[in-house]
C-alpha cells in the first residue's frame, strides 16, 4: 500500500542527488577560495568533472549517501543552537563570540571527521582487512566458551566489536591510560 511518506522511489535517484551535492559543494568551495580567480565557467567545469567522477564510483556514492543525512542533522542542530542563543541572549546578541576561539572550528572539524570515518567504515569496512573472509575459527575454539570471538564473520559490526573488545586491545588501552595519567601527574607543578 502506498502512503504519503513512502519514499522508496527516491532511492532510485540517489545518483542524481549525489551528483548535485558534489557539484554544489565543489563549486561553492572554488568560488569561496578563488583558487582559479573569479572565473565561474572554469569553476563550473571543475565542479562538473568532480561530480561526474564521483557518480561513477559506487563506493563514493554510498559514502556520500551515508554522510548527507548526518550533515543535515548537524546543520539543523547548529541552526537551532544559534536560534536558541539569539532567543535567550536578547535582541542585541552578537554572534561574534563564535569566532573568537578555535574551539568551535575544532569541534566542527572533529564531528565532520568522525562522520566521514563512520561512513567509510560502513561502506568499506568488511572489505578492508587482509584476513577478512578467511575462516580462522577451529572446532575447538567454537566449543570453548572462553574463546576470543572471531573477526571472520559476515557482519562488519560483529568484527569491529570483536576487535575493540579483544583482550590485547583492551590491555593496550589500559597501558595508554596509565601512561597518560603518569605524564599528566609528572608534568604538574608541585603543590
C-alpha atoms as a PDB file:
ATOM      1  CA  UNK A   1       0.000   0.000   0.000  1.00  0.00           C
ATOM      2  CA  UNK A   2       1.352   3.379  -0.965  1.00  0.00           C
ATOM      3  CA  UNK A   3       1.433   6.052   1.684  1.00  0.00           C
ATOM      4  CA  UNK A   4       2.262   9.719   1.673  1.00  0.00           C
ATOM      5  CA  UNK A   5       5.611   9.038   3.347  1.00  0.00           C
ATOM      6  CA  UNK A   6       6.626   6.195   1.028  1.00  0.00           C
ATOM      7  CA  UNK A   7       9.980   7.461  -0.230  1.00  0.00           C
ATOM      8  CA  UNK A   8      11.339   4.180  -1.608  1.00  0.00           C
ATOM      9  CA  UNK A   9      11.116   5.624  -5.123  1.00  0.00           C
ATOM     10  CA  UNK A  10      13.632   8.334  -4.171  1.00  0.00           C
ATOM     11  CA  UNK A  11      16.346   5.716  -3.687  1.00  0.00           C
ATOM     12  CA  UNK A  12      16.431   5.332  -7.479  1.00  0.00           C
ATOM     13  CA  UNK A  13      17.520   8.974  -7.749  1.00  0.00           C
ATOM     14  CA  UNK A  14      20.382   8.738  -5.249  1.00  0.00           C
ATOM     15  CA  UNK A  15      22.972   9.108  -8.014  1.00  0.00           C
ATOM     16  CA  UNK A  16      21.364  12.359  -9.156  1.00  0.00           C
ATOM     17  CA  UNK A  17      21.287  13.694  -5.585  1.00  0.00           C
ATOM     18  CA  UNK A  18      24.928  12.709  -5.140  1.00  0.00           C
ATOM     19  CA  UNK A  19      25.843  14.434  -8.399  1.00  0.00           C
ATOM     20  CA  UNK A  20      24.066  17.635  -7.337  1.00  0.00           C
ATOM     21  CA  UNK A  21      25.577  17.628  -3.845  1.00  0.00           C
ATOM     22  CA  UNK A  22      29.142  17.096  -5.096  1.00  0.00           C
ATOM     23  CA  UNK A  23      28.697  19.716  -7.822  1.00  0.00           C
ATOM     24  CA  UNK A  24      27.311  22.286  -5.370  1.00  0.00           C
ATOM     25  CA  UNK A  25      29.985  21.686  -2.725  1.00  0.00           C
ATOM     26  CA  UNK A  26      32.926  21.754  -5.154  1.00  0.00           C
ATOM     27  CA  UNK A  27      31.575  24.826  -6.962  1.00  0.00           C
ATOM     28  CA  UNK A  28      30.967  26.660  -3.674  1.00  0.00           C
ATOM     29  CA  UNK A  29      34.465  25.823  -2.417  1.00  0.00           C
ATOM     30  CA  UNK A  30      36.059  27.041  -5.647  1.00  0.00           C
ATOM     31  CA  UNK A  31      34.019  30.241  -5.552  1.00  0.00           C
ATOM     32  CA  UNK A  32      34.900  30.856  -1.907  1.00  0.00           C
ATOM     33  CA  UNK A  33      38.604  30.005  -2.108  1.00  0.00           C
ATOM     34  CA  UNK A  34      39.107  31.629  -5.530  1.00  0.00           C
ATOM     35  CA  UNK A  35      41.905  29.210  -6.442  1.00  0.00           C
ATOM     36  CA  UNK A  36      41.404  29.923 -10.152  1.00  0.00           C
ATOM     37  CA  UNK A  37      40.349  33.557  -9.711  1.00  0.00           C
ATOM     38  CA  UNK A  38      36.802  34.756 -10.351  1.00  0.00           C
ATOM     39  CA  UNK A  39      36.327  32.631 -13.457  1.00  0.00           C
ATOM     40  CA  UNK A  40      32.924  30.996 -12.905  1.00  0.00           C
ATOM     41  CA  UNK A  41      32.966  28.878 -16.083  1.00  0.00           C
ATOM     42  CA  UNK A  42      36.244  27.246 -15.018  1.00  0.00           C
ATOM     43  CA  UNK A  43      34.793  26.601 -11.553  1.00  0.00           C
ATOM     44  CA  UNK A  44      31.674  25.083 -13.116  1.00  0.00           C
ATOM     45  CA  UNK A  45      33.701  22.782 -15.393  1.00  0.00           C
ATOM     46  CA  UNK A  46      35.880  21.596 -12.489  1.00  0.00           C
ATOM     47  CA  UNK A  47      32.817  21.020 -10.283  1.00  0.00           C
ATOM     48  CA  UNK A  48      31.060  19.177 -13.125  1.00  0.00           C
ATOM     49  CA  UNK A  49      34.124  16.975 -13.658  1.00  0.00           C
ATOM     50  CA  UNK A  50      34.407  16.166  -9.946  1.00  0.00           C
ATOM     51  CA  UNK A  51      30.702  15.318  -9.756  1.00  0.00           C
ATOM     52  CA  UNK A  52      30.908  13.073 -12.820  1.00  0.00           C
ATOM     53  CA  UNK A  53      33.915  11.221 -11.410  1.00  0.00           C
ATOM     54  CA  UNK A  54      32.102  10.714  -8.108  1.00  0.00           C
ATOM     55  CA  UNK A  55      28.956   9.192  -9.594  1.00  0.00           C
ATOM     56  CA  UNK A  56      30.986   6.550 -11.446  1.00  0.00           C
ATOM     57  CA  UNK A  57      32.352   5.231  -8.159  1.00  0.00           C
ATOM     58  CA  UNK A  58      29.780   3.095  -6.349  1.00  0.00           C
ATOM     59  CA  UNK A  59      31.709   3.317  -3.080  1.00  0.00           C
ATOM     60  CA  UNK A  60      31.900   7.111  -3.216  1.00  0.00           C
ATOM     61  CA  UNK A  61      28.148   7.321  -3.865  1.00  0.00           C
ATOM     62  CA  UNK A  62      27.467   5.065  -0.855  1.00  0.00           C
ATOM     63  CA  UNK A  63      29.776   7.125   1.388  1.00  0.00           C
ATOM     64  CA  UNK A  64      28.118  10.378   0.346  1.00  0.00           C
ATOM     65  CA  UNK A  65      24.625   8.914   0.735  1.00  0.00           C
ATOM     66  CA  UNK A  66      25.527   7.812   4.262  1.00  0.00           C
ATOM     67  CA  UNK A  67      27.084  11.176   5.210  1.00  0.00           C
ATOM     68  CA  UNK A  68      24.464  13.592   3.881  1.00  0.00           C
ATOM     69  CA  UNK A  69      21.688  12.814   6.425  1.00  0.00           C
ATOM     70  CA  UNK A  70      24.173  13.205   9.285  1.00  0.00           C
ATOM     71  CA  UNK A  71      25.373  16.543   7.925  1.00  0.00           C
ATOM     72  CA  UNK A  72      21.767  17.695   7.635  1.00  0.00           C
ATOM     73  CA  UNK A  73      21.218  16.777  11.289  1.00  0.00           C
ATOM     74  CA  UNK A  74      24.390  18.717  12.148  1.00  0.00           C
ATOM     75  CA  UNK A  75      23.139  21.773  10.243  1.00  0.00           C
ATOM     76  CA  UNK A  76      19.700  21.575  11.887  1.00  0.00           C
ATOM     77  CA  UNK A  77      21.225  21.291  15.372  1.00  0.00           C
ATOM     78  CA  UNK A  78      23.557  24.240  14.646  1.00  0.00           C
ATOM     79  CA  UNK A  79      20.642  26.316  13.346  1.00  0.00           C
ATOM     80  CA  UNK A  80      18.535  25.619  16.424  1.00  0.00           C
ATOM     81  CA  UNK A  81      21.567  26.336  18.605  1.00  0.00           C
ATOM     82  CA  UNK A  82      22.008  29.751  17.006  1.00  0.00           C
ATOM     83  CA  UNK A  83      18.272  30.449  17.267  1.00  0.00           C
ATOM     84  CA  UNK A  84      18.325  29.446  20.949  1.00  0.00           C
ATOM     85  CA  UNK A  85      21.349  31.658  21.587  1.00  0.00           C
ATOM     86  CA  UNK A  86      19.697  34.650  19.890  1.00  0.00           C
ATOM     87  CA  UNK A  87      16.439  33.941  21.737  1.00  0.00           C
ATOM     88  CA  UNK A  88      17.910  33.721  25.231  1.00  0.00           C
ATOM     89  CA  UNK A  89      20.740  36.249  24.857  1.00  0.00           C
ATOM     90  CA  UNK A  90      18.387  39.056  23.909  1.00  0.00           C
ATOM     91  CA  UNK A  91      17.764  41.140  20.812  1.00  0.00           C
ATOM     92  CA  UNK A  92      21.245  42.698  20.769  1.00  0.00           C
ATOM     93  CA  UNK A  93      23.040  39.357  20.898  1.00  0.00           C
ATOM     94  CA  UNK A  94      26.159  39.259  18.813  1.00  0.00           C
ATOM     95  CA  UNK A  95      27.353  36.038  17.194  1.00  0.00           C
ATOM     96  CA  UNK A  96      30.958  37.229  17.011  1.00  0.00           C
ATOM     97  CA  UNK A  97      31.576  35.224  20.189  1.00  0.00           C
ATOM     98  CA  UNK A  98      31.545  32.126  17.983  1.00  0.00           C
ATOM     99  CA  UNK A  99      34.557  33.412  16.019  1.00  0.00           C
ATOM    100  CA  UNK A 100      36.762  34.312  18.985  1.00  0.00           C
ATOM    101  CA  UNK A 101      38.368  30.946  19.583  1.00  0.00           C
ATOM    102  CA  UNK A 102      39.250  27.960  17.501  1.00  0.00           C
ATOM    103  CA  UNK A 103      37.249  25.743  19.827  1.00  0.00           C
ATOM    104  CA  UNK A 104      34.089  25.762  17.701  1.00  0.00           C
ATOM    105  CA  UNK A 105      36.040  25.202  14.494  1.00  0.00           C
ATOM    106  CA  UNK A 106      37.893  22.283  16.102  1.00  0.00           C
ATOM    107  CA  UNK A 107      34.642  20.691  17.245  1.00  0.00           C
ATOM    108  CA  UNK A 108      33.074  21.021  13.802  1.00  0.00           C
ATOM    109  CA  UNK A 109      36.155  19.534  12.114  1.00  0.00           C
ATOM    110  CA  UNK A 110      36.199  16.680  14.638  1.00  0.00           C
ATOM    111  CA  UNK A 111      32.497  15.912  14.117  1.00  0.00           C
ATOM    112  CA  UNK A 112      32.894  16.013  10.325  1.00  0.00           C
ATOM    113  CA  UNK A 113      35.918  13.694  10.540  1.00  0.00           C
ATOM    114  CA  UNK A 114      34.000  11.258  12.768  1.00  0.00           C
ATOM    115  CA  UNK A 115      31.040  11.223  10.365  1.00  0.00           C
ATOM    116  CA  UNK A 116      33.425  10.629   7.448  1.00  0.00           C
ATOM    117  CA  UNK A 117      35.240   7.779   9.209  1.00  0.00           C
ATOM    118  CA  UNK A 118      31.970   6.112  10.187  1.00  0.00           C
ATOM    119  CA  UNK A 119      30.744   6.418   6.595  1.00  0.00           C
ATOM    120  CA  UNK A 120      33.975   4.829   5.328  1.00  0.00           C
ATOM    121  CA  UNK A 121      33.656   2.041   7.887  1.00  0.00           C
ATOM    122  CA  UNK A 122      30.038   1.363   6.963  1.00  0.00           C
ATOM    123  CA  UNK A 123      30.798   1.323   3.253  1.00  0.00           C
ATOM    124  CA  UNK A 124      34.186  -0.392   3.015  1.00  0.00           C
ATOM    125  CA  UNK A 125      34.586  -1.940   6.478  1.00  0.00           C
ATOM    126  CA  UNK A 126      34.024  -5.548   5.525  1.00  0.00           C
ATOM    127  CA  UNK A 127      36.420  -5.396   2.569  1.00  0.00           C
ATOM    128  CA  UNK A 128      39.461  -3.599   4.026  1.00  0.00           C
ATOM    129  CA  UNK A 129      41.158  -6.067   6.362  1.00  0.00           C
ATOM    130  CA  UNK A 130      43.731  -8.500   4.967  1.00  0.00           C
ATOM    131  CA  UNK A 131      42.272 -11.515   6.802  1.00  0.00           C
ATOM    132  CA  UNK A 132      38.566 -10.801   6.440  1.00  0.00           C
ATOM    133  CA  UNK A 133      36.584 -13.529   4.800  1.00  0.00           C
ATOM    134  CA  UNK A 134      39.054 -16.251   5.759  1.00  0.00           C
ATOM    135  CA  UNK A 135      37.656 -18.575   8.405  1.00  0.00           C
ATOM    136  CA  UNK A 136      40.040 -18.878  11.318  1.00  0.00           C
ATOM    137  CA  UNK A 137      37.859 -20.476  13.982  1.00  0.00           C
ATOM    138  CA  UNK A 138      38.570 -24.111  14.646  1.00  0.00           C
ATOM    139  CA  UNK A 139      36.046 -26.549  16.069  1.00  0.00           C
ATOM    140  CA  UNK A 140      37.795 -26.453  19.454  1.00  0.00           C
ATOM    141  CA  UNK A 141      37.642 -22.624  19.637  1.00  0.00           C
ATOM    142  CA  UNK A 142      33.959 -22.653  18.687  1.00  0.00           C
ATOM    143  CA  UNK A 143      33.142 -25.035  21.552  1.00  0.00           C
ATOM    144  CA  UNK A 144      35.301 -23.201  24.129  1.00  0.00           C
ATOM    145  CA  UNK A 145      33.127 -20.615  25.929  1.00  0.00           C
ATOM    146  CA  UNK A 146      36.211 -18.582  26.899  1.00  0.00           C
ATOM    147  CA  UNK A 147      37.487 -18.316  23.329  1.00  0.00           C
ATOM    148  CA  UNK A 148      38.083 -14.911  21.784  1.00  0.00           C
ATOM    149  CA  UNK A 149      35.359 -14.027  19.236  1.00  0.00           C
ATOM    150  CA  UNK A 150      36.301 -14.366  15.584  1.00  0.00           C
ATOM    151  CA  UNK A 151      36.716 -11.456  13.200  1.00  0.00           C
ATOM    152  CA  UNK A 152      35.967 -13.579  10.137  1.00  0.00           C
ATOM    153  CA  UNK A 153      32.204 -13.181  10.182  1.00  0.00           C
ATOM    154  CA  UNK A 154      29.997 -11.636   7.527  1.00  0.00           C
ATOM    155  CA  UNK A 155      28.943  -8.755   9.789  1.00  0.00           C
ATOM    156  CA  UNK A 156      31.180  -5.697   9.996  1.00  0.00           C
ATOM    157  CA  UNK A 157      29.628  -4.673  13.341  1.00  0.00           C
ATOM    158  CA  UNK A 158      30.490  -8.054  14.874  1.00  0.00           C
ATOM    159  CA  UNK A 159      34.032  -7.853  13.503  1.00  0.00           C
ATOM    160  CA  UNK A 160      34.504  -4.339  14.891  1.00  0.00           C
ATOM    161  CA  UNK A 161      33.131  -5.324  18.301  1.00  0.00           C
ATOM    162  CA  UNK A 162      35.319  -8.433  18.420  1.00  0.00           C
ATOM    163  CA  UNK A 163      38.370  -6.325  17.558  1.00  0.00           C
ATOM    164  CA  UNK A 164      37.676  -3.496  20.012  1.00  0.00           C
ATOM    165  CA  UNK A 165      36.968  -5.848  22.924  1.00  0.00           C
ATOM    166  CA  UNK A 166      39.807  -8.248  22.188  1.00  0.00           C
ATOM    167  CA  UNK A 167      41.934  -8.774  25.335  1.00  0.00           C
ATOM    168  CA  UNK A 168      45.078  -7.437  23.646  1.00  0.00           C
ATOM    169  CA  UNK A 169      43.340  -4.248  22.511  1.00  0.00           C
ATOM    170  CA  UNK A 170      41.857  -3.713  25.979  1.00  0.00           C
ATOM    171  CA  UNK A 171      45.292  -4.235  27.539  1.00  0.00           C
ATOM    172  CA  UNK A 172      46.748  -1.667  25.143  1.00  0.00           C
ATOM    173  CA  UNK A 173      44.033   0.839  26.138  1.00  0.00           C
ATOM    174  CA  UNK A 174      44.806   0.307  29.838  1.00  0.00           C
ATOM    175  CA  UNK A 175      48.548   0.803  29.222  1.00  0.00           C
ATOM    176  CA  UNK A 176      47.883   4.012  27.259  1.00  0.00           C
ATOM    177  CA  UNK A 177      45.617   5.324  30.044  1.00  0.00           C
ATOM    178  CA  UNK A 178      48.238   4.556  32.693  1.00  0.00           C
ATOM    179  CA  UNK A 179      50.913   6.302  30.622  1.00  0.00           C
ATOM    180  CA  UNK A 180      48.650   9.311  30.063  1.00  0.00           C
ATOM    181  CA  UNK A 181      47.908   9.721  33.764  1.00  0.00           C
ATOM    182  CA  UNK A 182      51.593   9.260  34.606  1.00  0.00           C
ATOM    183  CA  UNK A 183      52.561  12.036  32.176  1.00  0.00           C
ATOM    184  CA  UNK A 184      49.830  14.344  33.478  1.00  0.00           C
ATOM    185  CA  UNK A 185      50.763  13.818  37.127  1.00  0.00           C
ATOM    186  CA  UNK A 186      54.515  14.092  36.491  1.00  0.00           C
ATOM    187  CA  UNK A 187      54.097  17.307  34.482  1.00  0.00           C
ATOM    188  CA  UNK A 188      52.113  19.096  37.207  1.00  0.00           C
ATOM    189  CA  UNK A 189      53.759  21.664  39.406  1.00  0.00           C
ATOM    190  CA  UNK A 190      54.235  20.525  42.988  1.00  0.00           C
ATOM    191  CA  UNK A 191      51.703  21.895  45.439  1.00  0.00           C
END
